[in-house]
Amino acid sequence: MESYRFIIIGHVQGVYYRKNVQENAHKERFSGYVKNLSDGSVEACVTCDETHLDTFLDILQKGSPSSIVHEVKKFHCDENFSKNFEIRY
């Protein structure tokens, strides 16, 4: 299992993006979190098998009906997540 950090750029704050990502990630049994950043982007972190990474990326790209995702940047993350997928503040 690997941990990944994503920065999501676009119209992703104030449009229920985090809530939709959290609900869909929870349905797929991902562990990690999603949170707003001060620059208007969103950060998401997840621990998963590489084979499930495309599913998580699809969740990030889909977002919410009102969100518009322009770019998703992927990084490795040192923190491991083993509980639910949560919204952080």
Protein backbone atom coordinates (compact mmCIF):
# COMPACT_ATOMS: atom_id res chain seq x y z
CA MET A 1 0.00 0.00 0.00
CA GLU A 2 1.18 3.45 -0.92
CA SER A 3 0.08 6.88 0.25
CA TYR A 4 -0.53 9.70 -2.18
CA ARG A 5 -1.22 13.41 -1.85
CA PHE A 6 -3.18 15.33 -4.48
CA ILE A 7 -3.71 19.02 -5.08
CA ILE A 8 -6.92 19.70 -6.98
CA ILE A 9 -7.09 23.00 -8.85
CA GLY A 10 -10.22 24.54 -10.28
CA HIS A 11 -13.63 25.65 -9.01
CA VAL A 12 -13.55 23.26 -6.05
CA GLN A 13 -14.44 25.33 -2.98
CA GLY A 14 -17.96 26.30 -2.00
CA VAL A 15 -19.52 23.72 -4.35
CA TYR A 16 -19.73 20.65 -2.06
CA TYR A 17 -16.59 19.20 -3.65
CA ARG A 18 -15.15 17.88 -0.37
CA LYS A 19 -18.44 16.32 0.71
CA ASN A 20 -18.87 14.50 -2.61
CA VAL A 21 -15.27 13.26 -2.59
CA GLN A 22 -15.65 12.08 1.01
CA GLU A 23 -18.91 10.22 0.30
CA ASN A 24 -17.59 8.53 -2.85
CA ALA A 25 -14.24 7.65 -1.28
CA HIS A 26 -16.07 6.16 1.71
CA LYS A 27 -18.26 4.04 -0.61
CA GLU A 28 -15.11 2.65 -2.24
CA ARG A 29 -13.55 2.04 1.21
CA PHE A 30 -10.63 4.43 0.79
CA SER A 31 -8.79 5.78 3.83
CA GLY A 32 -7.54 9.34 3.95
CA TYR A 33 -8.86 12.89 3.96
CA VAL A 34 -9.81 15.91 1.90
CA LYS A 35 -9.47 19.57 2.94
CA ASN A 36 -9.61 23.10 1.56
CA LEU A 37 -6.38 25.05 1.18
CA SER A 38 -6.05 28.81 1.63
CA ASP A 39 -5.18 29.38 -2.05
CA GLY A 40 -8.58 28.06 -3.25
CA SER A 41 -7.37 24.58 -4.13
CA VAL A 42 -8.18 21.33 -2.33
CA GLU A 43 -5.80 18.74 -0.88
CA ALA A 44 -6.66 15.05 -0.76
CA CYS A 45 -4.57 12.24 0.69
CA VAL A 46 -5.20 8.52 0.41
CA THR A 47 -3.56 5.20 1.23
CA CYS A 48 -4.37 2.49 -1.31
CA ASP A 49 -3.00 -0.16 -3.63
CA GLU A 50 -1.71 1.25 -6.91
CA THR A 51 -4.34 -0.86 -8.69
CA HIS A 52 -7.08 1.26 -7.05
CA LEU A 53 -5.46 4.62 -7.75
CA ASP A 54 -7.40 5.21 -10.98
CA THR A 55 -10.68 4.79 -9.10
CA PHE A 56 -9.62 7.42 -6.58
CA LEU A 57 -8.48 9.76 -9.36
CA ASP A 58 -11.91 9.38 -10.99
CA ILE A 59 -13.53 10.44 -7.71
CA LEU A 60 -11.31 13.53 -7.58
CA GLN A 61 -12.02 14.40 -11.22
CA LYS A 62 -15.78 13.96 -10.81
CA GLY A 63 -16.04 16.03 -7.63
CA SER A 64 -19.52 17.48 -7.31
CA PRO A 65 -22.09 18.52 -9.92
CA SER A 66 -21.10 22.19 -9.48
CA SER A 67 -17.32 21.74 -9.35
CA ILE A 68 -14.92 22.17 -12.25
CA VAL A 69 -11.57 20.40 -11.94
CA HIS A 70 -8.83 21.91 -14.10
CA GLU A 71 -5.86 19.95 -12.79
CA VAL A 72 -4.94 17.22 -10.32
CA LYS A 73 -1.32 17.11 -9.17
CA LYS A 74 -0.07 13.87 -7.60
CA PHE A 75 2.69 13.49 -5.00
CA HIS A 76 3.82 10.74 -2.67
CA CYS A 77 2.86 11.08 0.97
CA ASP A 78 4.69 9.74 4.04
CA GLU A 79 1.58 9.49 6.22
CA ASN A 80 -0.40 6.22 6.16
CA PHE A 81 -4.17 6.25 6.59
CA SER A 82 -6.06 3.24 7.92
CA LYS A 83 -9.37 4.64 9.13
CA ASN A 84 -12.29 6.25 7.34
CA PHE A 85 -12.08 8.93 4.69
CA GLU A 86 -12.71 12.26 6.41
CA ILE A 87 -13.08 15.95 5.76
CA ARG A 88 -10.42 17.95 7.57
CA TYR A 89 -10.68 21.61 8.48
